[in-house]
Amino acid sequence: MNNSKDISEELIETVERYLNKSMDKTDLQDFEKKLEDSNFRTLVNDIKEIILGIETYELKEQLNEFHKEIDAKPKTYITSKLRFLHLKRIAVAAVLIISLGSLWYFTSNTNTRLYNKYFTPDPGLPTTMSSTSNFDFYDAMVNYKHGDYDVAISKWKTLAEKKPNNDTLNYFLGAAYLAIKKETQAIPFLEKTVQSKTDFYLKNDAYYYLGLAYLKEGNIELAIKYLELSKKEVSTEILSKLKK
């Protein structure tokens, strides 16, 4: 784990933009290229853990207030924005950082080893609530970001029954299934995402994870197809190994 003194305010802002999917294409490509360096990647992962700890603490406070508001005034809604992380907040949040380590699954299957090397769960969206209409979505996002993927899936599937064509729901259902190693269940949701007219960032991520899902299933042809559609730098790296 990196010492907090190595984490600059500028880097925190950059990582937040990366997690919020608000980078332009050029910045995104530059950032993902830097992630190829293991030391930088470890530093970024540390910052993700800090952000997760702070967001979770703040959202729990918001949820308590939210339930009070709902009980008193059903139509009342809460507005919440993720505030900029200052170095002082990092010092407070440092105790929330979980010791990070690489988890590798070595098997005799080359495709599985390649998948395990490059797959990490999508970090999820900032847990903010803009209205009562998306409370249930962000409530499930808290579970997702804590690794309670089954709980998140259960909640999101209920929402998806009402909104089967919602790109964000379909994407995160796919991402959650991948996180619990259920590639077969993940694929249909990710397929729906890439077939829709969603935004660049969401579709780009969906192409990447769909390629990895097919890689894990051993369908190299479809894995290559979707990884080629993804604009992530790491996709090119995986493709170079698949095409050897």
Protein backbone atom coordinates (compact mmCIF):
# COMPACT_ATOMS: atom_id res chain seq x y z
CA MET A 1 0.00 0.00 0.00
CA ASN A 2 1.23 3.47 -0.79
CA ASN A 3 1.80 6.06 1.87
CA SER A 4 -0.85 8.81 1.83
CA LYS A 5 1.87 11.43 1.35
CA ASP A 6 2.39 10.01 -2.14
CA ILE A 7 -1.19 10.86 -3.07
CA SER A 8 -1.48 14.34 -4.53
CA GLU A 9 -4.65 16.38 -4.69
CA GLU A 10 -4.34 16.47 -8.48
CA LEU A 11 -4.15 12.67 -8.67
CA ILE A 12 -7.23 12.30 -6.47
CA GLU A 13 -9.19 14.58 -8.79
CA THR A 14 -7.97 12.60 -11.80
CA VAL A 15 -9.01 9.27 -10.28
CA GLU A 16 -12.42 10.70 -9.38
CA ARG A 17 -12.91 11.77 -13.00
CA TYR A 18 -11.88 8.28 -14.12
CA LEU A 19 -14.34 6.60 -11.74
CA ASN A 20 -17.09 9.04 -12.69
CA LYS A 21 -16.40 8.33 -16.38
CA SER A 22 -16.07 12.07 -17.05
CA MET A 23 -12.69 12.05 -18.84
CA ASP A 24 -12.51 12.91 -22.51
CA LYS A 25 -11.16 10.23 -24.84
CA THR A 26 -7.60 11.60 -24.88
CA ASP A 27 -7.32 11.85 -21.09
CA LEU A 28 -8.87 8.40 -20.72
CA GLN A 29 -6.36 6.84 -23.09
CA ASP A 30 -3.44 8.56 -21.33
CA PHE A 31 -4.67 7.48 -17.91
CA GLU A 32 -5.21 3.85 -18.94
CA LYS A 33 -1.75 3.77 -20.45
CA LYS A 34 -0.33 4.87 -17.09
CA LEU A 35 -2.28 2.06 -15.45
CA GLU A 36 -0.04 -0.40 -17.26
CA ASP A 37 2.61 0.51 -14.69
CA SER A 38 2.04 -1.73 -11.65
CA ASN A 39 3.15 0.90 -9.12
CA PHE A 40 0.79 3.52 -10.52
CA ARG A 41 -2.02 0.96 -10.69
CA THR A 42 -1.49 0.10 -7.02
CA LEU A 43 -1.58 3.79 -6.08
CA VAL A 44 -4.83 4.27 -8.02
CA ASN A 45 -6.34 1.23 -6.28
CA ASP A 46 -5.43 2.74 -2.91
CA ILE A 47 -7.24 5.95 -3.85
CA LYS A 48 -10.29 3.96 -4.98
CA GLU A 49 -10.44 2.34 -1.54
CA ILE A 50 -10.22 5.74 0.13
CA ILE A 51 -13.03 7.12 -2.03
CA LEU A 52 -15.17 4.03 -1.39
CA GLY A 53 -14.70 4.36 2.36
CA ILE A 54 -15.66 8.01 2.40
CA GLU A 55 -18.59 7.62 0.01
CA THR A 56 -19.96 4.70 1.99
CA TYR A 57 -19.74 6.55 5.29
CA GLU A 58 -21.41 9.61 3.82
CA LEU A 59 -24.11 7.61 2.07
CA LYS A 60 -24.99 5.75 5.25
CA GLU A 61 -25.59 9.12 6.87
CA GLN A 62 -27.70 10.16 3.90
CA LEU A 63 -29.71 6.92 3.95
CA ASN A 64 -30.61 7.42 7.61
CA GLU A 65 -31.85 10.92 6.84
CA PHE A 66 -33.55 9.70 3.69
CA HIS A 67 -35.63 7.12 5.54
CA LYS A 68 -36.67 9.75 8.06
CA GLU A 69 -37.75 12.04 5.19
CA ILE A 70 -39.71 9.24 3.51
CA ASP A 71 -41.54 8.37 6.72
CA ALA A 72 -42.48 11.99 7.31
CA LYS A 73 -43.00 13.24 3.76
CA PRO A 74 -43.20 10.53 1.05
CA LYS A 75 -42.69 13.02 -1.78
CA THR A 76 -39.68 14.70 -0.27
CA TYR A 77 -36.35 13.93 -1.89
CA ILE A 78 -32.71 14.35 -0.97
CA THR A 79 -30.09 16.04 -3.10
CA SER A 80 -26.54 14.95 -2.58
CA LYS A 81 -23.33 15.63 -4.47
CA LEU A 82 -19.96 13.97 -4.06
CA ARG A 83 -17.69 16.66 -2.60
CA PHE A 84 -14.12 17.09 -3.67
CA LEU A 85 -11.67 15.04 -1.62
CA HIS A 86 -9.09 17.19 0.18
CA LEU A 87 -5.90 15.90 1.69
CA LYS A 88 -7.31 16.49 5.16
CA ARG A 89 -10.17 14.08 4.37
CA ILE A 90 -7.65 11.53 3.11
CA ALA A 91 -5.89 11.56 6.46
CA VAL A 92 -9.21 10.80 8.15
CA ALA A 93 -10.13 8.17 5.60
CA ALA A 94 -6.76 6.42 5.70
CA VAL A 95 -8.00 4.09 8.42
CA LEU A 96 -10.67 2.85 6.01
CA ILE A 97 -8.18 1.58 3.45
CA ILE A 98 -8.16 -2.17 3.07
CA SER A 99 -4.84 -3.88 2.56
CA LEU A 100 -4.70 -4.58 -1.12
CA GLY A 101 -3.23 -7.60 -2.72
CA SER A 102 -3.38 -9.27 -6.07
CA LEU A 103 -5.65 -12.30 -6.25
CA TRP A 104 -4.53 -14.67 -8.96
CA TYR A 105 -6.14 -17.93 -9.94
CA PHE A 106 -3.67 -20.17 -11.69
CA THR A 107 -5.16 -23.01 -13.70
CA SER A 108 -4.01 -25.10 -16.62
CA ASN A 109 -6.33 -23.14 -18.92
CA THR A 110 -4.55 -20.31 -20.73
CA ASN A 111 -7.76 -18.36 -21.36
CA THR A 112 -8.73 -18.52 -17.70
CA ARG A 113 -5.31 -17.32 -16.61
CA LEU A 114 -5.51 -14.45 -19.09
CA TYR A 115 -8.99 -13.55 -17.86
CA ASN A 116 -7.93 -13.57 -14.22
CA LYS A 117 -4.93 -11.40 -15.01
CA TYR A 118 -6.97 -8.61 -16.58
CA PHE A 119 -10.35 -8.80 -14.90
CA THR A 120 -11.18 -6.47 -12.03
CA PRO A 121 -14.78 -5.60 -11.11
CA ASP A 122 -16.11 -2.31 -12.37
CA PRO A 123 -15.61 0.20 -9.50
CA GLY A 124 -19.24 1.30 -9.69
CA LEU A 125 -20.78 4.75 -9.73
CA PRO A 126 -20.49 7.42 -7.03
CA THR A 127 -23.19 6.68 -4.50
CA THR A 128 -25.19 9.89 -4.75
CA MET A 129 -28.94 10.27 -4.68
CA SER A 130 -30.65 12.94 -6.73
CA SER A 131 -34.27 11.93 -6.13
CA THR A 132 -36.53 9.27 -4.67
CA SER A 133 -36.87 7.75 -8.13
CA ASN A 134 -33.31 6.38 -8.14
CA PHE A 135 -32.96 5.65 -4.43
CA ASP A 136 -33.31 1.89 -4.97
CA PHE A 137 -30.61 1.91 -7.65
CA TYR A 138 -28.05 3.64 -5.44
CA ASP A 139 -29.06 1.58 -2.44
CA ALA A 140 -28.04 -1.49 -4.48
CA MET A 141 -24.88 0.32 -5.61
CA VAL A 142 -23.76 0.51 -1.98
CA ASN A 143 -24.05 -3.29 -1.78
CA TYR A 144 -22.20 -3.67 -5.06
CA LYS A 145 -19.29 -1.46 -3.99
CA HIS A 146 -18.98 -3.43 -0.76
CA GLY A 147 -18.72 -6.67 -2.69
CA ASP A 148 -22.23 -7.83 -1.80
CA TYR A 149 -22.87 -8.61 -5.44
CA ASP A 150 -25.70 -11.10 -4.89
CA VAL A 151 -27.67 -8.54 -2.89
CA ALA A 152 -27.07 -5.88 -5.55
CA ILE A 153 -28.17 -8.27 -8.29
CA SER A 154 -31.38 -9.11 -6.45
CA LYS A 155 -32.28 -5.44 -6.06
CA TRP A 156 -31.32 -4.47 -9.62
CA LYS A 157 -33.21 -7.37 -11.16
CA THR A 158 -36.38 -6.11 -9.48
CA LEU A 159 -35.79 -2.70 -11.04
CA ALA A 160 -34.93 -4.25 -14.41
CA GLU A 161 -38.30 -5.98 -14.53
CA LYS A 162 -39.85 -2.53 -14.74
CA LYS A 163 -37.12 -1.04 -16.94
CA PRO A 164 -35.74 -3.92 -19.07
CA ASN A 165 -34.07 -1.56 -21.55
CA ASN A 166 -32.29 0.62 -19.02
CA ASP A 167 -28.64 0.62 -20.15
CA THR A 168 -27.15 1.40 -16.77
CA LEU A 169 -29.12 -1.35 -15.04
CA ASN A 170 -28.22 -3.91 -17.69
CA TYR A 171 -24.56 -2.95 -17.58
CA PHE A 172 -24.21 -3.23 -13.81
CA LEU A 173 -26.19 -6.46 -13.69
CA GLY A 174 -23.66 -7.84 -16.17
CA ALA A 175 -20.76 -6.41 -14.16
CA ALA A 176 -22.12 -7.88 -10.92
CA TYR A 177 -22.55 -11.34 -12.43
CA LEU A 178 -18.97 -11.20 -13.71
CA ALA A 179 -17.80 -10.27 -10.24
CA ILE A 180 -19.31 -13.50 -8.83
CA LYS A 181 -17.85 -15.56 -11.70
CA LYS A 182 -21.15 -16.16 -13.50
CA GLU A 183 -20.10 -15.23 -17.00
CA THR A 184 -23.02 -17.03 -18.67
CA GLN A 185 -25.54 -14.90 -16.77
CA ALA A 186 -23.52 -11.71 -17.35
CA ILE A 187 -23.35 -11.99 -21.13
CA PRO A 188 -27.05 -11.32 -21.98
CA PHE A 189 -27.09 -8.11 -19.93
CA LEU A 190 -23.84 -6.86 -21.45
CA GLU A 191 -25.08 -7.79 -24.93
CA LYS A 192 -28.17 -5.64 -24.37
CA THR A 193 -25.95 -2.75 -23.31
CA VAL A 194 -23.70 -2.82 -26.39
CA GLN A 195 -26.70 -3.19 -28.71
CA SER A 196 -28.30 -0.01 -27.39
CA LYS A 197 -27.59 3.63 -28.14
CA THR A 198 -25.90 4.33 -24.84
CA ASP A 199 -23.07 6.77 -24.09
CA PHE A 200 -19.46 6.13 -25.15
CA TYR A 201 -18.06 5.33 -21.71
CA LEU A 202 -20.74 2.81 -20.77
CA LYS A 203 -20.63 1.04 -24.12
CA ASN A 204 -16.82 1.04 -24.16
CA ASP A 205 -16.73 -0.63 -20.74
CA ALA A 206 -19.45 -3.08 -21.79
CA TYR A 207 -17.44 -4.10 -24.87
CA TYR A 208 -14.43 -4.75 -22.67
CA TYR A 209 -16.22 -6.85 -20.07
CA LEU A 210 -18.16 -8.71 -22.75
CA GLY A 211 -14.88 -9.59 -24.43
CA LEU A 212 -13.52 -10.88 -21.12
CA ALA A 213 -16.69 -12.88 -20.47
CA TYR A 214 -16.41 -14.66 -23.80
CA LEU A 215 -12.70 -15.19 -23.17
CA LYS A 216 -13.52 -16.94 -19.89
CA GLU A 217 -16.11 -19.08 -21.67
CA GLY A 218 -13.56 -20.07 -24.29
CA ASN A 219 -15.26 -18.32 -27.21
CA ILE A 220 -12.13 -16.67 -28.58
CA GLU A 221 -13.81 -15.43 -31.77
CA LEU A 222 -16.36 -13.34 -29.85
CA ALA A 223 -13.77 -12.33 -27.27
CA ILE A 224 -11.61 -10.84 -30.02
CA LYS A 225 -14.64 -9.21 -31.66
CA TYR A 226 -15.66 -7.26 -28.57
CA LEU A 227 -12.16 -6.47 -27.34
CA GLU A 228 -11.45 -4.95 -30.75
CA LEU A 229 -14.55 -2.77 -30.36
CA SER A 230 -13.37 -1.57 -26.97
CA LYS A 231 -11.14 1.51 -27.02
CA LYS A 232 -9.38 0.62 -23.77
CA GLU A 233 -5.60 0.40 -24.01
CA VAL A 234 -5.64 -2.83 -22.04
CA SER A 235 -7.86 -4.42 -24.70
CA THR A 236 -5.02 -4.04 -27.20
CA GLU A 237 -2.68 -5.75 -24.76
CA ILE A 238 -5.03 -8.71 -24.33
CA LEU A 239 -5.58 -8.97 -28.07
CA SER A 240 -1.83 -9.14 -28.66
CA LYS A 241 -1.69 -12.19 -26.41
CA LEU A 242 -4.74 -13.84 -27.97
CA LYS A 243 -3.44 -13.44 -31.51
CA LYS A 244 0.03 -14.86 -30.87
